[in-house]
Structures are given as structure tokens and as C-alpha cells.
Amino acid sequence: GGSTGNALARFDFGGNMNYTTPGFTHMSGSQLFTTTNGAGFAAASTISQATQATGYSVSTINLYRDGITGKGTATATFRYTVPNGNYSARIYVGHPTMATQTRVEAEGGAYAVQSSILASNVFSALTISNINVADGRLDLLLRAPTGYTGYWLVCGVDIATSDANLPPTAPQRLDGLTFDEFGLEQTSTERLAAVNRAGQVLTTEVVEQARREAVADWLQAGLTPGQIVALQNTTVQISDLNSEGAFGFAGTRLIQLDDDALGYGWHVGSGPVPTSAVDLGTVMRHELGHILGLSDLDPATAGDDLMSGTILPGQRRAVPVGTSDDVLLTSGNLVNPVEEKRLDLFETAATVQTPDASLILIEREGLSSGSPSEIVTLPTSQRSSAGQPLSIVQVDVADAAVDLESLDDLFANPLEGLFE
């Protein structure tokens, strides 16, 4: 769903039934890599093909109905010729009829990402960022995580020069919708057609207020400096996502929200959520979770977890509360941590890279390591020049919590012109 970004290449893995997604190049498991063709597998790889064409929980069924698979210690390696430099890869995983868990390692294991255990008909998109290629060839090793004895499966991959050039993905959908090869199945189409709007249509002002409040919540959950920068660089776009049955999509730096919540309308604010409206704050926080590196959870087992892949009107879910171990660094569904490092108050020569070099994540002096961290702005005299790392020896923190106006200054995004 959403735009296709500016990916260098998009490959749809599979077999000889040639299920191909628009915009992707079909890549059979039997196609071997050569320096001439520039893309293929290091050895013939096992394929999985699902013949059913209905009942999928995602709209891009041709992408997910086949792929490269293995079990236990079996592996496959996909190779793609690129100029030396840095790249990002997005890997599509999951299977319509069996549970899977997949790990992908780039460039000999120097970069890696893995999914949670995905139930049948539950899919996810994993992202590996800043892969440095020095030999003119990007290698992706496909396998199961250590200790997992079931199947792994990779349906396809996007390759781009940066996260920003990867297409948006990871939709949060209305629970219970199903798709076939033509899009929403008839029962789902009829369900949406019968909706009576009980909430609001989005405006730029409503979206910006919701974004600021959602960011404020996430800041209390325990974030790494890199995750803070990811929030800062995220933009939000109002779109029509009805054909996807989605309330929202998230890429690596872009969130798309449906204009009228698939016809239900959006509930705005902190009051009780009407049973026939969709809570904007919940969906915004969910999509920001993807920006922070969290993947969708299986709705059948996720309960009220914010990262459940589906939601119903009337439901509200909250950002997970931080723990002494830092919830975002230990959560089982953290698929792509931006930076696994916290900044201590008196740590010397610690650096945080931000566009204006004025943001720093710290913990208050005298509080336990499990206490909520804060965002503060450094006095001008303590800032380095724009774009340069900032060395911190000690920072005084005001007792007052950061208000929304301050957050707006810190995380403001130029939304004008981005809305459709």
C-alpha cells in the first residue's frame, strides 16, 4: 500500500507459477546469481507456493502467496549487484497457511533483523538500515533464528539507497477484513459500504495535534537517541486507504492515515471512544511504533497491545510503559532497533546526532534507571554547530515536564503541502 518510494529494485520471490506483484521483478528460487544477470540466489533455493487466492489478511496477495523457505538450519542466500556504498533493505515475510519465524543477515551477518513468530495468515515487513557494501554485491542470508525449529519464509525484498527511499508498509487494518487477487473481498466491501460515520474527517490541525500528543507519550516509554531522531524526521500524510482496508501505513519516515477512517470517522482527544468511531491517538501511536522499529503483532494473541496489526472501532490502546530493562530494547517484537544505547546523565564524550545538534536523551539525576527519560533543549552555549555530534559531560534538567509547545518546537515537521 501507499507509494512505492524510490527503491533501486523490488523482487518478488517464488516459483514457476509466477505470482508477481505490480512493480516487482519475479525471482524464482531456481535463478542463480551471476555477474551477468546481477541478481539471484547463491544456490537453488526451496520455494513455497500457496494456491488459494482468497481469505488473505493483506491486499498484496501475490507478494505473500509464494516465497523462498526452509526449516531448521536450512538457509538461502540472495545476491544483488550494487555500487559500493550504503543501502537499506525491506524484507517481506509470513505465510498464508503456516506459522513462520524468519531471520535475515546482510553482508556476512554484520547487519541482521528477525521477525517474531508469525501465525498463519499474519505477515510482516522487516527493515535493515545502513548496510555497507564494499565488494559490489549485497548479500542477504535467509534463515530461521537460532533455536526455532519451524519454517522460515521470505516473500520478497526491496533494496534502496536509504530508509527514506523504501516504500511505506505495515498497515494497521480494520479487524476481520479479507482480500483476494482483485482486492477487498465482497463481504469486506459490503461491510465498509454499510458504515455510518460517527467521527471526524482529518484536517492538518487535527493530525498535528495528535502527532504531538503521541510523540509525548512515546518519549515516556524509554527511547534510544536514534529512535528520537527517527520520530523527529517522520512526516504524516492524509490519504485515501479504502482499497487497502487500512487506517494507517508506516514506512521508515512517512506515516499515511486514511482521511475518514474507512468511513467510520476518527475519534479525536482523550474522552471515551464511541463504539462506531476509530481512535486517532491509538492508530497514530501504532504507526509511530513502526517508525521506532516495532513490528506488527498477531491480532489473535496480541490482546490490547498497541502493536496488534488490526483494530476495531471503539478500541483504545496505550504506549507500553517503560521498565527497568527498557521496554523498547527488550521487547520481542523489536525488529530493527535504531540505536541500542541509552545516555547516562554524567557520561562523558557521549554523542547524539540530530539535525540541529540540540536534542539529548537523558535520565534525571537521582532517579533509578527505570525512571522515564526526558527530552531537553540545550542552551545555545552548550550546542555544537549544526549537524555535528555533541559531547555531553553534564546537563541540568528542569523539574517541569516538557509541554506540547516545547515538543512542537523540537519535533515540528512542515506538514503543509504533504496532505492530499
Protein backbone atom coordinates (compact mmCIF):
# COMPACT_ATOMS: atom_id res chain seq x y z
CA GLY A 1 0.00 0.00 0.00
CA GLY A 2 0.99 3.62 -0.31
CA SER A 3 3.61 4.93 -2.71
CA THR A 4 6.42 2.72 -3.99
CA GLY A 5 9.15 5.07 -2.83
CA ASN A 6 12.39 5.27 -4.81
CA ALA A 7 13.66 1.72 -4.37
CA LEU A 8 16.52 0.60 -6.61
CA ALA A 9 14.90 -2.80 -7.04
CA ARG A 10 11.88 -4.78 -5.81
CA PHE A 11 12.00 -8.56 -6.02
CA ASP A 12 9.03 -10.91 -5.57
CA PHE A 13 10.41 -14.34 -4.60
CA GLY A 14 8.66 -17.56 -5.57
CA GLY A 15 8.39 -20.39 -8.02
CA ASN A 16 7.25 -21.23 -11.51
CA MET A 17 3.60 -20.23 -11.00
CA ASN A 18 4.87 -16.69 -11.47
CA TYR A 19 2.70 -14.89 -8.92
CA THR A 20 4.04 -11.37 -9.36
CA THR A 21 3.13 -8.14 -7.62
CA PRO A 22 2.91 -4.98 -9.78
CA GLY A 23 6.17 -3.06 -9.57
CA PHE A 24 8.18 -6.13 -8.52
CA THR A 25 10.51 -8.36 -10.55
CA HIS A 26 9.68 -12.05 -10.13
CA MET A 27 12.67 -14.01 -8.84
CA SER A 28 12.37 -17.79 -8.92
CA GLY A 29 14.26 -19.85 -6.37
CA SER A 30 15.99 -21.59 -9.28
CA GLN A 31 17.52 -18.39 -10.67
CA LEU A 32 21.20 -18.40 -9.74
CA PHE A 33 23.28 -15.27 -9.30
CA THR A 34 25.88 -14.50 -11.95
CA THR A 35 27.92 -11.38 -12.61
CA THR A 36 25.98 -11.06 -15.87
CA ASN A 37 22.41 -11.14 -14.54
CA GLY A 38 23.34 -9.27 -11.34
CA ALA A 39 20.58 -10.83 -9.20
CA GLY A 40 19.76 -14.31 -8.00
CA PHE A 41 20.43 -16.96 -5.38
CA ALA A 42 23.82 -18.42 -4.50
CA ALA A 43 22.31 -21.90 -4.90
CA ALA A 44 18.94 -23.27 -5.95
CA SER A 45 16.54 -22.47 -3.12
CA THR A 46 13.41 -24.18 -1.84
CA ILE A 47 10.16 -22.49 -2.80
CA SER A 48 6.74 -22.40 -1.15
CA GLN A 49 3.62 -21.79 -3.23
CA ALA A 50 0.12 -21.36 -1.83
CA THR A 51 -2.52 -21.95 -4.48
CA GLN A 52 -5.50 -20.41 -2.68
CA ALA A 53 -6.49 -16.94 -3.88
CA THR A 54 -8.94 -15.83 -1.18
CA GLY A 55 -9.07 -15.10 2.53
CA TYR A 56 -5.78 -13.19 2.85
CA SER A 57 -5.28 -10.62 5.61
CA VAL A 58 -3.29 -8.40 3.22
CA SER A 59 -4.17 -6.82 -0.12
CA THR A 60 -0.91 -7.68 -1.92
CA ILE A 61 -1.67 -11.39 -2.02
CA ASN A 62 0.62 -12.20 -4.96
CA LEU A 63 3.56 -10.99 -2.90
CA TYR A 64 2.70 -13.23 0.03
CA ARG A 65 1.30 -16.37 -1.62
CA ASP A 66 4.76 -17.73 -2.51
CA GLY A 67 8.36 -17.29 -1.46
CA ILE A 68 11.67 -18.87 -0.50
CA THR A 69 11.50 -21.14 2.51
CA GLY A 70 13.42 -23.52 4.73
CA LYS A 71 13.20 -25.28 8.07
CA GLY A 72 15.56 -25.67 11.00
CA THR A 73 19.15 -24.99 9.89
CA ALA A 74 18.37 -24.67 6.16
CA THR A 75 19.42 -21.34 4.60
CA ALA A 76 19.35 -19.47 1.30
CA THR A 77 21.42 -16.53 0.09
CA PHE A 78 20.10 -13.82 -2.25
CA ARG A 79 22.63 -11.59 -4.05
CA TYR A 80 22.25 -8.31 -5.90
CA THR A 81 24.97 -6.31 -7.69
CA VAL A 82 25.23 -2.69 -6.47
CA PRO A 83 27.92 0.01 -6.43
CA ASN A 84 29.82 0.19 -3.16
CA GLY A 85 28.04 2.31 -0.59
CA ASN A 86 25.26 2.17 1.99
CA TYR A 87 21.87 0.54 1.39
CA SER A 88 18.61 -0.32 3.13
CA ALA A 89 16.60 -3.49 2.60
CA ARG A 90 12.99 -4.29 3.41
CA ILE A 91 12.13 -7.97 3.66
CA TYR A 92 8.55 -9.30 3.38
CA VAL A 93 7.84 -12.38 5.50
CA GLY A 94 4.94 -14.63 6.52
CA HIS A 95 2.79 -17.39 5.03
CA PRO A 96 -0.98 -17.76 4.50
CA THR A 97 -1.34 -21.27 5.96
CA MET A 98 1.56 -21.96 8.33
CA ALA A 99 3.42 -20.29 11.18
CA THR A 100 6.88 -18.88 10.43
CA GLN A 101 9.77 -17.06 12.04
CA THR A 102 12.46 -15.54 9.85
CA ARG A 103 15.91 -14.03 10.33
CA VAL A 104 17.79 -12.13 7.61
CA GLU A 105 21.50 -11.35 7.85
CA ALA A 106 23.21 -8.92 5.47
CA GLU A 107 26.86 -8.90 4.45
CA GLY A 108 28.01 -11.94 6.38
CA GLY A 109 25.94 -11.20 9.47
CA ALA A 110 27.21 -7.67 10.08
CA TYR A 111 23.58 -6.48 9.88
CA ALA A 112 20.58 -8.57 10.90
CA VAL A 113 16.86 -8.45 11.61
CA GLN A 114 14.29 -11.08 12.55
CA SER A 115 10.55 -11.37 12.91
CA SER A 116 8.55 -12.56 15.86
CA ILE A 117 6.79 -15.91 15.41
CA LEU A 118 4.04 -15.15 12.90
CA ALA A 119 0.88 -17.26 12.89
CA SER A 120 -0.63 -18.38 9.61
CA ASN A 121 -2.05 -15.51 7.52
CA VAL A 122 -0.05 -12.98 9.56
CA PHE A 123 2.60 -11.05 7.63
CA SER A 124 5.30 -8.55 8.47
CA ALA A 125 7.88 -6.33 6.78
CA LEU A 126 11.38 -6.15 8.28
CA THR A 127 13.91 -3.39 7.60
CA ILE A 128 17.71 -3.47 7.71
CA SER A 129 19.24 0.01 7.57
CA ASN A 130 22.65 1.39 6.59
CA ILE A 131 24.11 -1.81 5.13
CA ASN A 132 27.64 -1.04 3.99
CA VAL A 133 28.60 -2.81 0.77
CA ALA A 134 32.31 -2.84 -0.06
CA ASP A 135 32.57 -5.66 -2.64
CA GLY A 136 29.99 -4.54 -5.21
CA ARG A 137 27.44 -7.15 -4.13
CA LEU A 138 24.71 -7.05 -1.48
CA ASP A 139 24.29 -10.48 0.18
CA LEU A 140 21.20 -11.39 2.21
CA LEU A 141 21.27 -14.70 4.12
CA LEU A 142 17.76 -16.06 4.78
CA ARG A 143 17.30 -18.45 7.71
CA ALA A 144 15.44 -19.26 10.91
CA PRO A 145 16.53 -17.68 14.20
CA THR A 146 18.71 -19.86 16.40
CA GLY A 147 16.58 -22.33 18.31
CA TYR A 148 13.49 -22.04 16.09
CA THR A 149 12.74 -25.42 14.54
CA GLY A 150 9.81 -24.44 12.32
CA TYR A 151 9.73 -22.85 8.89
CA TRP A 152 11.11 -19.51 7.82
CA LEU A 153 9.81 -17.81 4.66
CA VAL A 154 10.79 -14.71 2.67
CA CYS A 155 8.28 -13.48 0.09
CA GLY A 156 10.27 -10.61 -1.39
CA VAL A 157 12.67 -7.75 -0.81
CA ASP A 158 13.04 -4.03 -1.57
CA ILE A 159 16.51 -2.52 -1.91
CA ALA A 160 17.11 1.25 -1.72
CA THR A 161 19.92 3.69 -1.05
CA SER A 162 18.33 4.79 2.24
CA ASP A 163 15.38 4.11 4.54
CA ALA A 164 13.69 7.22 3.16
CA ASN A 165 13.58 5.64 -0.31
CA LEU A 166 11.80 2.48 0.86
CA PRO A 167 8.03 2.39 0.28
CA PRO A 168 5.54 2.70 3.14
CA THR A 169 4.27 -0.60 4.53
CA ALA A 170 2.98 -2.17 7.78
CA PRO A 171 -0.70 -1.19 7.59
CA GLN A 172 -2.99 -1.24 10.60
CA ARG A 173 -6.27 -2.59 9.26
CA LEU A 174 -9.84 -2.99 10.36
CA ASP A 175 -10.05 -6.35 12.10
CA GLY A 176 -11.70 -9.08 10.04
CA LEU A 177 -11.18 -7.73 6.52
CA THR A 178 -10.09 -10.24 3.88
CA PHE A 179 -8.65 -9.88 0.37
CA ASP A 180 -8.40 -11.83 -2.85
CA GLU A 181 -6.41 -11.21 -6.01
CA PHE A 182 -8.77 -8.40 -7.01
CA GLY A 183 -8.63 -6.54 -3.68
CA LEU A 184 -11.17 -6.46 -0.87
CA GLU A 185 -13.44 -9.49 -0.93
CA GLN A 186 -17.16 -8.88 -1.40
CA THR A 187 -18.09 -9.38 2.24
CA SER A 188 -15.47 -6.84 3.30
CA THR A 189 -16.55 -4.35 0.63
CA GLU A 190 -20.17 -4.65 1.78
CA ARG A 191 -19.08 -4.20 5.39
CA LEU A 192 -17.38 -0.87 4.63
CA ALA A 193 -20.24 0.30 2.41
CA ALA A 194 -22.67 -0.08 5.32
CA VAL A 195 -20.65 2.09 7.73
CA ASN A 196 -22.26 5.23 9.16
CA ARG A 197 -19.72 7.90 10.07
CA ALA A 198 -19.53 8.62 13.79
CA GLY A 199 -16.26 10.55 13.92
CA GLN A 200 -14.34 13.34 12.23
CA VAL A 201 -12.62 13.70 8.87
CA LEU A 202 -8.93 14.53 9.26
CA THR A 203 -7.50 18.02 8.90
CA THR A 204 -3.88 19.14 9.11
CA GLU A 205 -4.53 20.73 12.50
CA VAL A 206 -6.10 17.57 13.93
CA VAL A 207 -3.24 15.40 12.64
CA GLU A 208 -0.56 17.69 14.03
CA GLN A 209 -2.12 17.80 17.49
CA ALA A 210 -2.44 14.00 17.51
CA ARG A 211 1.18 13.63 16.40
CA ARG A 212 2.46 15.88 19.17
CA GLU A 213 0.49 14.04 21.83
CA ALA A 214 1.60 10.64 20.52
CA VAL A 215 5.26 11.68 20.48
CA ALA A 216 4.93 12.94 24.05
CA ASP A 217 3.65 9.50 25.10
CA TRP A 218 6.41 7.62 23.31
CA LEU A 219 9.05 9.79 24.97
CA GLN A 220 7.99 8.36 28.31
CA ALA A 221 8.44 4.76 27.14
CA GLY A 222 12.24 4.68 27.10
CA LEU A 223 13.74 5.58 23.71
CA THR A 224 17.24 5.47 22.32
CA PRO A 225 18.73 8.66 20.84
CA GLY A 226 18.42 7.15 17.38
CA GLN A 227 14.73 6.46 17.91
CA ILE A 228 14.18 10.07 18.97
CA VAL A 229 15.77 11.26 15.73
CA ALA A 230 13.52 8.86 13.79
CA LEU A 231 10.46 10.46 15.39
CA GLN A 232 11.80 13.89 14.60
CA ASN A 233 12.24 13.04 10.92
CA THR A 234 8.79 11.49 10.42
CA THR A 235 6.12 13.19 8.32
CA VAL A 236 2.39 12.44 8.27
CA GLN A 237 0.20 12.39 5.17
CA ILE A 238 -3.59 12.21 4.80
CA SER A 239 -4.54 9.68 2.12
CA ASP A 240 -7.42 7.53 0.87
CA LEU A 241 -6.62 3.98 2.01
CA ASN A 242 -10.05 2.42 1.48
CA SER A 243 -8.81 -0.02 -1.17
CA GLU A 244 -6.28 -1.31 1.36
CA GLY A 245 -8.81 -1.56 4.18
CA ALA A 246 -6.23 0.33 6.25
CA PHE A 247 -6.48 3.08 8.84
CA GLY A 248 -2.77 3.82 8.52
CA PHE A 249 0.50 2.85 6.84
CA ALA A 250 4.03 3.42 8.12
CA GLY A 251 7.29 3.45 6.22
CA THR A 252 10.60 4.38 7.76
CA ARG A 253 10.00 8.13 7.71
CA LEU A 254 6.40 8.50 6.47
CA ILE A 255 3.02 7.77 8.03
CA GLN A 256 -0.15 7.73 5.93
CA LEU A 257 -3.56 7.98 7.62
CA ASP A 258 -6.92 7.36 5.96
CA ASP A 259 -8.88 10.58 5.67
CA ASP A 260 -12.09 9.30 7.28
CA ALA A 261 -11.05 6.03 9.00
CA LEU A 262 -12.62 3.86 6.27
CA GLY A 263 -15.90 5.73 6.70
CA TYR A 264 -16.18 5.35 10.48
CA GLY A 265 -14.62 8.75 11.14
CA TRP A 266 -11.88 9.50 13.65
CA HIS A 267 -12.32 10.00 17.38
CA VAL A 268 -10.08 12.87 18.46
CA GLY A 269 -8.97 13.58 22.01
CA SER A 270 -8.80 11.73 25.30
CA GLY A 271 -12.51 11.23 26.03
CA PRO A 272 -14.37 7.92 25.67
CA VAL A 273 -14.14 6.46 22.17
CA PRO A 274 -17.56 5.97 20.56
CA THR A 275 -18.20 2.37 19.56
CA SER A 276 -18.60 3.42 15.93
CA ALA A 277 -15.50 5.66 15.59
CA VAL A 278 -11.79 4.84 15.35
CA ASP A 279 -9.39 6.32 17.90
CA LEU A 280 -6.88 8.54 16.10
CA GLY A 281 -4.47 8.56 19.03
CA THR A 282 -4.23 4.76 19.04
CA VAL A 283 -3.54 4.49 15.31
CA MET A 284 -1.03 7.35 15.41
CA ARG A 285 0.85 5.72 18.30
CA HIS A 286 0.78 2.36 16.50
CA GLU A 287 2.29 3.80 13.32
CA LEU A 288 4.94 5.69 15.31
CA GLY A 289 5.78 2.32 16.87
CA HIS A 290 6.71 1.10 13.39
CA ILE A 291 8.90 4.17 12.92
CA LEU A 292 10.68 3.19 16.15
CA GLY A 293 11.39 -0.31 14.87
CA LEU A 294 8.49 -2.35 16.25
CA SER A 295 6.68 -4.85 14.04
CA ASP A 296 3.02 -5.82 13.92
CA LEU A 297 1.86 -8.48 16.37
CA ASP A 298 -0.55 -11.30 15.61
CA PRO A 299 -4.01 -9.91 16.47
CA ALA A 300 -5.11 -13.35 17.71
CA THR A 301 -2.55 -13.31 20.52
CA ALA A 302 -1.69 -9.62 20.98
CA GLY A 303 -4.74 -8.72 23.07
CA ASP A 304 -4.76 -4.98 23.76
CA ASP A 305 -1.11 -4.50 22.76
CA LEU A 306 -0.62 -1.26 20.83
CA MET A 307 1.26 -3.11 18.07
CA SER A 308 -1.57 -5.50 17.18
CA GLY A 309 -1.89 -5.48 13.40
CA THR A 310 -5.64 -4.78 13.45
CA ILE A 311 -8.05 -2.66 15.45
CA LEU A 312 -11.82 -2.20 15.78
CA PRO A 313 -13.88 0.98 16.22
CA GLY A 314 -14.29 1.91 19.87
CA GLN A 315 -10.93 0.47 20.94
CA ARG A 316 -8.15 2.47 22.61
CA ARG A 317 -4.64 1.18 23.22
CA ALA A 318 -1.72 2.80 25.02
CA VAL A 319 2.03 3.10 24.55
CA PRO A 320 3.78 0.37 26.59
CA VAL A 321 5.14 1.64 29.91
CA GLY A 322 8.93 1.60 30.29
CA THR A 323 10.57 -0.86 32.64
CA SER A 324 13.97 -1.05 34.31
CA ASP A 325 15.16 -3.07 31.32
CA ASP A 326 13.79 -0.52 28.85
CA VAL A 327 10.75 -1.91 27.08
CA LEU A 328 11.84 -0.92 23.57
CA LEU A 329 15.21 -2.61 23.80
CA THR A 330 13.93 -5.91 25.17
CA SER A 331 10.53 -6.29 23.52
CA GLY A 332 10.23 -9.46 21.46
CA ASN A 333 8.77 -7.57 18.52
CA LEU A 334 11.62 -5.05 18.19
CA VAL A 335 12.79 -5.88 14.68
CA ASN A 336 15.11 -3.03 13.83
CA PRO A 337 16.49 -1.04 16.77
CA VAL A 338 17.74 2.32 15.56
CA GLU A 339 20.39 2.52 18.25
CA GLU A 340 20.79 0.20 21.23
CA LYS A 341 22.34 2.73 23.58
CA ARG A 342 20.96 4.92 26.35
CA LEU A 343 22.67 8.10 27.50
CA ASP A 344 23.52 8.41 31.19
CA LEU A 345 23.43 11.79 32.89
CA PHE A 346 27.14 12.10 33.57
CA GLU A 347 28.51 10.00 30.72
CA THR A 348 31.44 11.75 29.10
CA ALA A 349 32.02 12.11 25.39
CA ALA A 350 28.59 10.68 24.63
CA THR A 351 27.16 11.81 21.31
CA VAL A 352 23.71 12.32 19.89
CA GLN A 353 23.40 13.16 16.19
CA THR A 354 20.43 15.40 15.38
CA PRO A 355 19.80 17.89 12.59
CA ASP A 356 20.27 20.90 14.88
CA ALA A 357 22.52 19.14 17.44
CA SER A 358 20.27 20.38 20.23
CA LEU A 359 18.40 17.27 21.38
CA ILE A 360 19.62 14.88 24.02
CA LEU A 361 18.02 11.95 25.81
CA ILE A 362 18.95 11.90 29.49
CA GLU A 363 17.88 10.43 32.78
CA ARG A 364 17.25 12.66 35.76
CA GLU A 365 19.93 12.71 38.41
CA GLY A 366 18.99 10.69 41.47
CA LEU A 367 16.31 8.60 39.77
CA SER A 368 16.56 4.90 39.07
CA SER A 369 17.48 3.66 35.63
CA GLY A 370 13.87 2.65 35.13
CA SER A 371 12.52 6.17 35.54
CA PRO A 372 11.15 7.91 32.46
CA SER A 373 13.75 9.70 30.38
CA GLU A 374 13.28 13.28 29.24
CA ILE A 375 13.95 15.42 26.23
CA VAL A 376 15.58 18.76 26.92
CA THR A 377 16.88 21.57 24.77
CA LEU A 378 20.41 22.63 25.47
CA PRO A 379 21.24 26.31 26.00
CA THR A 380 22.82 27.86 22.93
CA SER A 381 26.19 27.98 24.67
CA GLN A 382 26.15 24.19 25.01
CA ARG A 383 25.26 23.39 21.41
CA SER A 384 27.75 22.39 18.76
CA SER A 385 27.48 23.60 15.20
CA ALA A 386 24.51 22.21 13.25
CA GLY A 387 24.90 18.64 12.11
CA GLN A 388 27.85 17.88 14.38
CA PRO A 389 27.93 15.38 17.25
CA LEU A 390 27.63 16.96 20.68
CA SER A 391 29.79 15.86 23.61
CA ILE A 392 27.99 15.96 26.96
CA VAL A 393 29.59 15.90 30.38
CA GLN A 394 26.69 17.16 32.49
CA VAL A 395 23.32 18.71 31.76
CA ASP A 396 20.96 20.31 34.26
CA VAL A 397 17.36 19.17 33.84
CA ALA A 398 14.40 21.31 34.77
CA ASP A 399 11.88 19.63 37.06
CA ALA A 400 8.96 20.61 34.86
CA ALA A 401 7.89 18.12 32.21
CA VAL A 402 8.24 19.15 28.60
CA ASP A 403 4.93 20.59 27.40
CA LEU A 404 3.38 20.11 23.98
CA GLU A 405 4.50 23.54 22.79
CA SER A 406 8.12 22.63 23.51
CA LEU A 407 7.67 19.28 21.79
CA ASP A 408 6.26 21.07 18.78
CA ASP A 409 9.43 23.16 18.59
CA LEU A 410 11.61 20.07 18.91
CA PHE A 411 9.70 17.78 16.58
CA ALA A 412 7.94 20.17 14.22
CA ASN A 413 7.52 18.82 10.72
CA PRO A 414 6.49 21.00 7.76
CA LEU A 415 3.16 19.29 7.09
CA GLU A 416 1.85 21.88 4.65
CA GLY A 417 1.98 20.61 1.10
CA LEU A 418 2.20 16.96 2.16
CA PHE A 419 -1.51 16.40 2.55
CA GLU A 420 -3.73 15.04 -0.18
